[in-house]
Amino acid sequence: MCRNIKTLFNFDPPVTDDEVRAAALQFVRKITGFNKPSKANETAFLAAIDEIANVSARLLHSLDTNAPPKNREEEATRAKARAAERFGA
């Protein structure tokens, strides 16, 4: 799993289109090995991002849970604490 791709399901407020697109971009970067594609590959790269973002958004909107939504600020604080413990910051 790419460390830059964050869990997007079951948050309050709900995931935004920008967050889904950012995750799709990270996924495409990871599997292609390109941070920025060449001009020859740019169309395919951008099309893949769009397709993955659309599929991801449909998936996220179709999922159900009985768990209460997670608070973004609390989750960010926990992630920072884990990172500090892991990397000694």
C-alpha atoms as a PDB file:
ATOM      1  CA  MET A   1       0.000   0.000   0.000  1.00  0.00           C
ATOM      2  CA  CYS A   2       1.257   3.427  -0.871  1.00  0.00           C
ATOM      3  CA  ARG A   3       1.779   5.363   2.362  1.00  0.00           C
ATOM      4  CA  ASN A   4       0.488   8.589   0.819  1.00  0.00           C
ATOM      5  CA  ILE A   5      -2.932   7.107   0.090  1.00  0.00           C
ATOM      6  CA  LYS A   6      -5.139   7.720   3.097  1.00  0.00           C
ATOM      7  CA  THR A   7      -8.326   5.939   4.112  1.00  0.00           C
ATOM      8  CA  LEU A   8     -11.246   7.943   2.755  1.00  0.00           C
ATOM      9  CA  PHE A   9     -14.277   5.997   3.963  1.00  0.00           C
ATOM     10  CA  ASN A  10     -16.488   6.871   6.918  1.00  0.00           C
ATOM     11  CA  PHE A  11     -15.318  10.358   7.809  1.00  0.00           C
ATOM     12  CA  ASP A  12     -17.224  13.388   8.972  1.00  0.00           C
ATOM     13  CA  PRO A  13     -17.278  15.515   6.888  1.00  0.00           C
ATOM     14  CA  PRO A  14     -17.427  13.032   3.995  1.00  0.00           C
ATOM     15  CA  VAL A  15     -14.658  12.623   1.454  1.00  0.00           C
ATOM     16  CA  THR A  16     -14.376  15.314  -1.212  1.00  0.00           C
ATOM     17  CA  ASP A  17     -13.799  14.850  -4.944  1.00  0.00           C
ATOM     18  CA  ASP A  18     -10.385  16.487  -4.535  1.00  0.00           C
ATOM     19  CA  GLU A  19      -9.351  13.921  -1.916  1.00  0.00           C
ATOM     20  CA  VAL A  20     -10.471  11.038  -4.130  1.00  0.00           C
ATOM     21  CA  ARG A  21      -8.578  12.495  -7.091  1.00  0.00           C
ATOM     22  CA  ALA A  22      -5.442  12.989  -4.967  1.00  0.00           C
ATOM     23  CA  ALA A  23      -5.572   9.331  -3.909  1.00  0.00           C
ATOM     24  CA  ALA A  24      -6.047   8.276  -7.548  1.00  0.00           C
ATOM     25  CA  LEU A  25      -3.043  10.381  -8.554  1.00  0.00           C
ATOM     26  CA  GLN A  26      -0.883   8.746  -5.868  1.00  0.00           C
ATOM     27  CA  PHE A  27      -2.032   5.293  -6.996  1.00  0.00           C
ATOM     28  CA  VAL A  28      -1.220   5.987 -10.658  1.00  0.00           C
ATOM     29  CA  ARG A  29       2.163   7.448  -9.696  1.00  0.00           C
ATOM     30  CA  LYS A  30       2.917   4.358  -7.632  1.00  0.00           C
ATOM     31  CA  ILE A  31       2.026   1.769 -10.253  1.00  0.00           C
ATOM     32  CA  THR A  32       3.631   3.617 -13.178  1.00  0.00           C
ATOM     33  CA  GLY A  33       6.741   4.784 -11.376  1.00  0.00           C
ATOM     34  CA  PHE A  34       6.216   8.260 -12.857  1.00  0.00           C
ATOM     35  CA  ASN A  35       5.970  11.341 -10.708  1.00  0.00           C
ATOM     36  CA  LYS A  36       5.217  13.265 -13.877  1.00  0.00           C
ATOM     37  CA  PRO A  37       4.727  11.412 -17.171  1.00  0.00           C
ATOM     38  CA  SER A  38       6.409  12.303 -20.442  1.00  0.00           C
ATOM     39  CA  LYS A  39       4.341  14.126 -23.055  1.00  0.00           C
ATOM     40  CA  ALA A  40       3.931  10.803 -24.882  1.00  0.00           C
ATOM     41  CA  ASN A  41       2.347   9.201 -21.793  1.00  0.00           C
ATOM     42  CA  GLU A  42       0.508  12.206 -20.367  1.00  0.00           C
ATOM     43  CA  THR A  43      -2.875  11.443 -21.965  1.00  0.00           C
ATOM     44  CA  ALA A  44      -2.909   7.854 -20.704  1.00  0.00           C
ATOM     45  CA  PHE A  45      -1.674   8.956 -17.267  1.00  0.00           C
ATOM     46  CA  LEU A  46      -4.432  11.583 -16.873  1.00  0.00           C
ATOM     47  CA  ALA A  47      -7.109   9.222 -18.236  1.00  0.00           C
ATOM     48  CA  ALA A  48      -6.087   6.592 -15.682  1.00  0.00           C
ATOM     49  CA  ILE A  49      -6.343   9.127 -12.858  1.00  0.00           C
ATOM     50  CA  ASP A  50      -9.851  10.113 -13.993  1.00  0.00           C
ATOM     51  CA  GLU A  51     -11.010   6.499 -14.301  1.00  0.00           C
ATOM     52  CA  ILE A  52      -9.603   5.457 -10.936  1.00  0.00           C
ATOM     53  CA  ALA A  53     -11.069   8.542  -9.237  1.00  0.00           C
ATOM     54  CA  ASN A  54     -14.513   7.780 -10.713  1.00  0.00           C
ATOM     55  CA  VAL A  55     -14.426   4.121  -9.681  1.00  0.00           C
ATOM     56  CA  SER A  56     -13.149   5.044  -6.209  1.00  0.00           C
ATOM     57  CA  ALA A  57     -15.883   7.650  -5.704  1.00  0.00           C
ATOM     58  CA  ARG A  58     -18.564   5.139  -6.740  1.00  0.00           C
ATOM     59  CA  LEU A  59     -17.119   2.586  -4.331  1.00  0.00           C
ATOM     60  CA  LEU A  60     -16.948   5.025  -1.416  1.00  0.00           C
ATOM     61  CA  HIS A  61     -20.517   6.220  -1.997  1.00  0.00           C
ATOM     62  CA  SER A  62     -21.847   2.659  -2.204  1.00  0.00           C
ATOM     63  CA  LEU A  63     -20.287   1.403   1.049  1.00  0.00           C
ATOM     64  CA  ASP A  64     -22.344   1.126   4.239  1.00  0.00           C
ATOM     65  CA  THR A  65     -21.266   0.879   7.855  1.00  0.00           C
ATOM     66  CA  ASN A  66     -22.833   0.900  11.287  1.00  0.00           C
ATOM     67  CA  ALA A  67     -19.707   2.443  12.805  1.00  0.00           C
ATOM     68  CA  PRO A  68     -19.865   6.115  13.731  1.00  0.00           C
ATOM     69  CA  PRO A  69     -17.989   8.437  11.356  1.00  0.00           C
ATOM     70  CA  LYS A  70     -14.383   9.174  12.258  1.00  0.00           C
ATOM     71  CA  ASN A  71     -13.332  12.717  13.067  1.00  0.00           C
ATOM     72  CA  ARG A  72     -10.696  14.000  10.649  1.00  0.00           C
ATOM     73  CA  GLU A  73      -8.858  16.103  13.219  1.00  0.00           C
ATOM     74  CA  GLU A  74      -8.669  13.253  15.734  1.00  0.00           C
ATOM     75  CA  GLU A  75      -7.399  10.855  13.077  1.00  0.00           C
ATOM     76  CA  ALA A  76      -4.781  13.389  11.936  1.00  0.00           C
ATOM     77  CA  THR A  77      -3.611  13.855  15.520  1.00  0.00           C
ATOM     78  CA  ARG A  78      -3.309  10.091  15.984  1.00  0.00           C
ATOM     79  CA  ALA A  79      -1.372   9.764  12.716  1.00  0.00           C
ATOM     80  CA  LYS A  80       1.046  12.504  13.776  1.00  0.00           C
ATOM     81  CA  ALA A  81       1.583  10.784  17.133  1.00  0.00           C
ATOM     82  CA  ARG A  82       2.269   7.446  15.397  1.00  0.00           C
ATOM     83  CA  ALA A  83       4.721   9.136  13.027  1.00  0.00           C
ATOM     84  CA  ALA A  84       6.510  10.880  15.878  1.00  0.00           C
ATOM     85  CA  GLU A  85       6.825   7.598  17.742  1.00  0.00           C
ATOM     86  CA  ARG A  86       7.955   5.742  14.628  1.00  0.00           C
ATOM     87  CA  PHE A  87      10.396   8.318  13.286  1.00  0.00           C
ATOM     88  CA  GLY A  88      11.346  10.094  16.516  1.00  0.00           C
ATOM     89  CA  ALA A  89      10.323  13.607  15.551  1.00  0.00           C
END
